[in-house]
Amino acid sequence: MLEIPMVKVGRRVGHARDAILDALLPPQCLCCGAMVDRQGNLCAPCWSGMRFLEPPCCQACGIPFPYDEGEEALCAACSRRRPDYDRARAVLAYDDHSRPLLLRLKHGDRLDGVPAFGQWLARAGMGFWADADLLLPVPLHRWRLLRRRYNQAALLSLSVSRHCGVPSHSGLLLRRRATASQAGRSRTGRARNVRGAFALAKTNRSQLKGSHVVLIDDVFTTGATVSACARLLKRNGVARVDVLTLARVL
């Protein structure tokens, strides 16, 4: 098959750009900082230490099962009370191996891994894409966004969109209250901390009616944040809310 000339040119420009970047900033492992062969990679020891989450898992919250209990099987917690969202899936277990990766993304300005993370997320959410209408990143409050300079969830959402073809909209879901950090809080404390923290933009709400929305975030801890977002979205007419995160606490 013949390639379109402009596609060839685009690829050559991309290769040249990557070569210049590698010369100026030698590629480092996203997790430990060791030298690797190209930007956005993990070294072999870090890769082997990552726990990638795969089926079988709880149909609702996505927590892994030791053996296959069927596609519709629920964990004990979801059997007692279904989550406010419909399904949650994650790429990695959040543990001592993956924590540096997430912290470098969230607080260390290491954004070179975002293209790879988007690909991982798109694969983990494969069951969502057949009828998903919209990707919504969990928002930061404007003051925190000003201090951090970027919302990692929004960057991940854009990267996922490029792989799955579902549009990402970062201005529809808003964080109207500057909540304190969730770190160190109990499950109840986390839920209380984000209560009433989210709102929807006054424009473009009509696209939510009857839609299937996928929330994108970096880490799923207790689910308090995504649950608050899911409740708000469903009150405003969203038919289905799924959750996709780069890592989750088990």
Protein backbone atom coordinates (compact mmCIF):
# COMPACT_ATOMS: atom_id res chain seq x y z
CA MET A 1 0.00 0.00 0.00
CA LEU A 2 1.34 3.46 -0.92
CA GLU A 3 1.67 5.95 1.88
CA ILE A 4 0.44 9.50 1.51
CA PRO A 5 3.54 11.73 1.10
CA MET A 6 2.52 14.05 3.95
CA VAL A 7 2.25 11.05 6.30
CA LYS A 8 5.83 10.12 5.42
CA VAL A 9 6.93 13.71 6.04
CA GLY A 10 5.10 13.76 9.37
CA ARG A 11 6.82 10.59 10.49
CA ARG A 12 10.23 11.89 9.49
CA VAL A 13 9.62 15.12 11.41
CA GLY A 14 8.53 13.08 14.41
CA HIS A 15 11.65 10.91 14.26
CA ALA A 16 13.85 13.98 13.94
CA ARG A 17 12.11 15.64 16.88
CA ASP A 18 12.60 12.52 19.02
CA ALA A 19 16.29 12.33 18.07
CA ILE A 20 16.82 15.97 19.07
CA LEU A 21 14.95 15.44 22.35
CA ASP A 22 17.03 12.34 23.14
CA ALA A 23 20.22 14.31 22.47
CA LEU A 24 19.20 17.21 24.71
CA LEU A 25 17.49 15.14 27.40
CA PRO A 26 18.76 11.55 27.51
CA PRO A 27 15.74 9.25 28.02
CA GLN A 28 15.22 8.13 31.61
CA CYS A 29 12.99 5.48 33.13
CA LEU A 30 9.67 7.05 34.08
CA CYS A 31 9.83 5.36 37.46
CA CYS A 32 13.42 5.28 38.76
CA GLY A 33 15.31 7.62 36.43
CA ALA A 34 17.70 5.00 35.03
CA MET A 35 18.78 5.41 31.42
CA VAL A 36 16.48 3.70 28.87
CA ASP A 37 16.43 3.33 25.09
CA ARG A 38 13.79 5.96 24.35
CA GLN A 39 11.57 8.61 25.92
CA GLY A 40 8.53 7.37 27.82
CA ASN A 41 9.87 3.90 28.65
CA LEU A 42 10.41 1.93 31.84
CA CYS A 43 13.64 0.10 32.56
CA ALA A 44 13.45 -3.71 32.69
CA PRO A 45 13.51 -3.99 36.54
CA CYS A 46 10.75 -1.37 36.96
CA TRP A 47 8.63 -2.95 34.23
CA SER A 48 8.91 -6.40 35.83
CA GLY A 49 7.94 -4.95 39.21
CA MET A 50 4.68 -3.41 37.95
CA ARG A 51 1.48 -5.31 38.72
CA PHE A 52 -0.77 -4.86 35.70
CA LEU A 53 -4.41 -5.56 36.55
CA GLU A 54 -6.16 -8.05 34.29
CA PRO A 55 -9.43 -10.03 34.39
CA PRO A 56 -10.93 -11.80 36.20
CA CYS A 57 -12.24 -8.99 38.35
CA CYS A 58 -15.38 -7.63 40.01
CA GLN A 59 -17.79 -6.55 37.27
CA ALA A 60 -18.50 -3.29 39.13
CA CYS A 61 -15.44 -1.97 40.96
CA GLY A 62 -12.84 -3.93 39.00
CA ILE A 63 -10.97 -5.33 42.01
CA PRO A 64 -9.10 -8.46 40.81
CA PHE A 65 -10.25 -11.96 41.69
CA PRO A 66 -7.86 -14.87 42.32
CA TYR A 67 -9.89 -17.03 39.94
CA ASP A 68 -12.65 -16.59 37.35
CA GLU A 69 -16.12 -16.34 38.92
CA GLY A 70 -17.91 -15.30 35.72
CA GLU A 71 -18.30 -12.04 33.80
CA GLU A 72 -21.08 -10.69 36.05
CA ALA A 73 -19.47 -11.66 39.38
CA LEU A 74 -19.35 -9.01 42.10
CA CYS A 75 -16.98 -8.67 45.05
CA ALA A 76 -18.45 -8.81 48.57
CA ALA A 77 -18.52 -5.01 48.96
CA CYS A 78 -20.31 -4.41 45.64
CA SER A 79 -22.76 -7.22 46.40
CA ARG A 80 -23.78 -5.39 49.57
CA ARG A 81 -23.98 -1.98 47.90
CA ARG A 82 -23.38 -1.18 44.25
CA PRO A 83 -21.07 1.81 43.64
CA ASP A 84 -22.42 5.12 42.37
CA TYR A 85 -20.53 4.52 39.11
CA ASP A 86 -21.27 1.51 36.89
CA ARG A 87 -17.81 0.02 36.29
CA ALA A 88 -14.25 0.90 37.28
CA ARG A 89 -11.08 -0.40 35.67
CA ALA A 90 -7.41 0.44 36.27
CA VAL A 91 -4.10 -0.32 34.60
CA LEU A 92 -1.86 -0.89 37.63
CA ALA A 93 -2.01 -1.79 41.30
CA TYR A 94 -0.90 1.22 43.33
CA ASP A 95 1.98 -0.13 45.42
CA ASP A 96 5.64 0.49 46.22
CA HIS A 97 6.61 -0.30 42.61
CA SER A 98 4.10 1.96 40.84
CA ARG A 99 4.01 4.80 43.38
CA PRO A 100 7.14 6.59 42.03
CA LEU A 101 5.65 6.45 38.54
CA LEU A 102 2.45 8.18 39.68
CA LEU A 103 4.23 10.72 41.87
CA ARG A 104 6.57 11.72 39.05
CA LEU A 105 3.54 12.27 36.81
CA LYS A 106 1.50 14.14 39.41
CA HIS A 107 4.15 16.27 41.11
CA GLY A 108 7.40 15.84 39.20
CA ASP A 109 6.54 17.30 35.79
CA ARG A 110 7.32 13.94 34.14
CA LEU A 111 4.84 14.20 31.27
CA ASP A 112 6.90 12.19 28.76
CA GLY A 113 5.07 9.04 29.84
CA VAL A 114 1.59 10.37 29.02
CA PRO A 115 1.49 8.88 25.46
CA ALA A 116 2.32 5.40 26.82
CA PHE A 117 -0.11 5.80 29.72
CA GLY A 118 -2.87 6.72 27.29
CA GLN A 119 -2.24 3.53 25.37
CA TRP A 120 -2.28 1.46 28.57
CA LEU A 121 -5.53 3.10 29.69
CA ALA A 122 -7.21 2.58 26.32
CA ARG A 123 -6.37 -1.12 26.54
CA ALA A 124 -7.62 -1.40 30.15
CA GLY A 125 -10.91 0.27 29.18
CA MET A 126 -11.45 -1.82 26.06
CA GLY A 127 -14.90 -2.87 27.23
CA PHE A 128 -16.05 0.76 27.41
CA TRP A 129 -15.39 2.00 23.90
CA ALA A 130 -18.16 0.33 21.90
CA ASP A 131 -20.79 2.79 23.14
CA ALA A 132 -18.91 5.46 25.15
CA ASP A 133 -19.86 9.03 24.20
CA LEU A 134 -17.51 11.21 26.19
CA LEU A 135 -14.33 11.17 28.29
CA LEU A 136 -14.35 13.51 31.30
CA PRO A 137 -11.17 14.04 33.34
CA VAL A 138 -11.61 14.56 37.07
CA PRO A 139 -10.97 18.31 37.40
CA LEU A 140 -8.63 20.31 39.61
CA HIS A 141 -9.71 23.50 41.32
CA ARG A 142 -8.43 26.52 39.43
CA TRP A 143 -6.03 27.55 42.23
CA ARG A 144 -4.46 24.10 42.40
CA LEU A 145 -4.25 24.03 38.61
CA LEU A 146 -2.47 27.37 38.69
CA ARG A 147 0.10 26.05 41.19
CA ARG A 148 0.64 22.69 39.43
CA ARG A 149 0.37 24.17 35.88
CA TYR A 150 -1.37 21.08 34.49
CA ASN A 151 -4.09 18.59 35.35
CA GLN A 152 -2.63 15.12 34.90
CA ALA A 153 -6.13 13.63 34.52
CA ALA A 154 -6.86 15.96 31.60
CA LEU A 155 -3.59 15.02 29.88
CA LEU A 156 -4.34 11.32 30.34
CA SER A 157 -7.87 11.84 29.00
CA LEU A 158 -6.57 13.50 25.83
CA SER A 159 -4.08 10.68 25.32
CA VAL A 160 -6.77 8.03 25.78
CA SER A 161 -8.99 9.88 23.30
CA ARG A 162 -6.32 9.61 20.62
CA HIS A 163 -6.30 5.83 21.01
CA CYS A 164 -10.00 5.04 21.46
CA GLY A 165 -11.59 7.79 19.33
CA VAL A 166 -13.96 8.97 22.06
CA PRO A 167 -13.86 12.78 22.49
CA SER A 168 -12.43 14.26 25.68
CA HIS A 169 -14.02 17.34 27.24
CA SER A 170 -12.09 19.00 30.07
CA GLY A 171 -14.35 22.00 30.62
CA LEU A 172 -17.67 20.33 31.39
CA LEU A 173 -17.00 18.89 34.85
CA LEU A 174 -15.72 21.52 37.31
CA ARG A 175 -14.29 21.49 40.83
CA ARG A 176 -16.00 24.50 42.36
CA ARG A 177 -14.52 24.13 45.86
CA ALA A 178 -10.81 23.95 46.69
CA THR A 179 -10.79 20.74 48.72
CA ALA A 180 -7.91 19.77 50.99
CA SER A 181 -5.66 16.90 49.96
CA GLN A 182 -7.22 13.45 50.27
CA ALA A 183 -3.93 11.93 51.46
CA GLY A 184 -4.09 10.42 54.93
CA ARG A 185 -7.87 10.63 55.24
CA SER A 186 -10.16 7.73 56.06
CA ARG A 187 -12.80 6.49 53.62
CA THR A 188 -15.43 8.54 55.46
CA GLY A 189 -13.14 11.56 55.63
CA ARG A 190 -12.45 11.40 51.89
CA ALA A 191 -16.15 11.25 51.09
CA ARG A 192 -16.85 14.21 53.37
CA ASN A 193 -13.97 16.19 51.87
CA VAL A 194 -15.35 16.06 48.31
CA ARG A 195 -19.05 16.38 49.15
CA GLY A 196 -20.48 19.20 47.03
CA ALA A 197 -17.07 19.93 45.51
CA PHE A 198 -18.06 19.33 41.88
CA ALA A 199 -20.36 21.11 39.47
CA LEU A 200 -21.18 21.15 35.77
CA ALA A 201 -20.51 24.04 33.41
CA LYS A 202 -23.64 25.94 32.46
CA THR A 203 -23.06 25.37 28.76
CA ASN A 204 -22.97 22.10 26.78
CA ARG A 205 -24.96 20.18 29.39
CA SER A 206 -27.37 18.93 26.74
CA GLN A 207 -24.78 16.42 25.45
CA LEU A 208 -24.96 14.58 28.77
CA LYS A 209 -28.59 13.48 28.49
CA GLY A 210 -28.72 9.71 28.09
CA SER A 211 -24.97 9.50 27.46
CA HIS A 212 -22.29 7.01 28.47
CA VAL A 213 -19.46 8.92 30.18
CA VAL A 214 -16.04 7.57 31.15
CA LEU A 215 -14.33 9.43 34.00
CA ILE A 216 -10.52 9.56 33.76
CA ASP A 217 -8.20 10.01 36.78
CA ASP A 218 -4.71 9.03 37.85
CA VAL A 219 -5.34 7.02 41.05
CA PHE A 220 -8.41 5.30 42.49
CA THR A 221 -8.05 5.09 46.27
CA THR A 222 -11.41 4.70 48.03
CA GLY A 223 -13.50 5.88 45.09
CA ALA A 224 -14.83 8.91 46.98
CA THR A 225 -13.88 11.41 44.28
CA VAL A 226 -15.19 9.49 41.28
CA SER A 227 -18.33 8.54 43.23
CA ALA A 228 -19.07 12.22 43.88
CA CYS A 229 -18.59 12.94 40.18
CA ALA A 230 -20.76 9.98 39.15
CA ARG A 231 -23.64 11.06 41.39
CA LEU A 232 -23.55 14.57 39.95
CA LEU A 233 -23.48 13.29 36.37
CA LYS A 234 -26.37 10.88 36.89
CA ARG A 235 -28.47 13.60 38.55
CA ASN A 236 -28.00 15.56 35.33
CA GLY A 237 -29.19 12.84 33.00
CA VAL A 238 -26.12 10.70 32.27
CA ALA A 239 -27.24 7.11 31.72
CA ARG A 240 -23.95 5.35 32.48
CA VAL A 241 -20.73 6.38 34.24
CA ASP A 242 -17.62 4.24 34.03
CA VAL A 243 -14.26 5.01 35.64
CA LEU A 244 -10.78 4.47 34.21
CA THR A 245 -7.62 5.18 36.21
CA LEU A 246 -3.93 4.60 35.74
CA ALA A 247 -3.63 2.91 39.14
CA ARG A 248 -5.78 1.80 42.04
CA VAL A 249 -5.21 0.97 45.67
CA LEU A 250 -6.06 -2.66 46.42
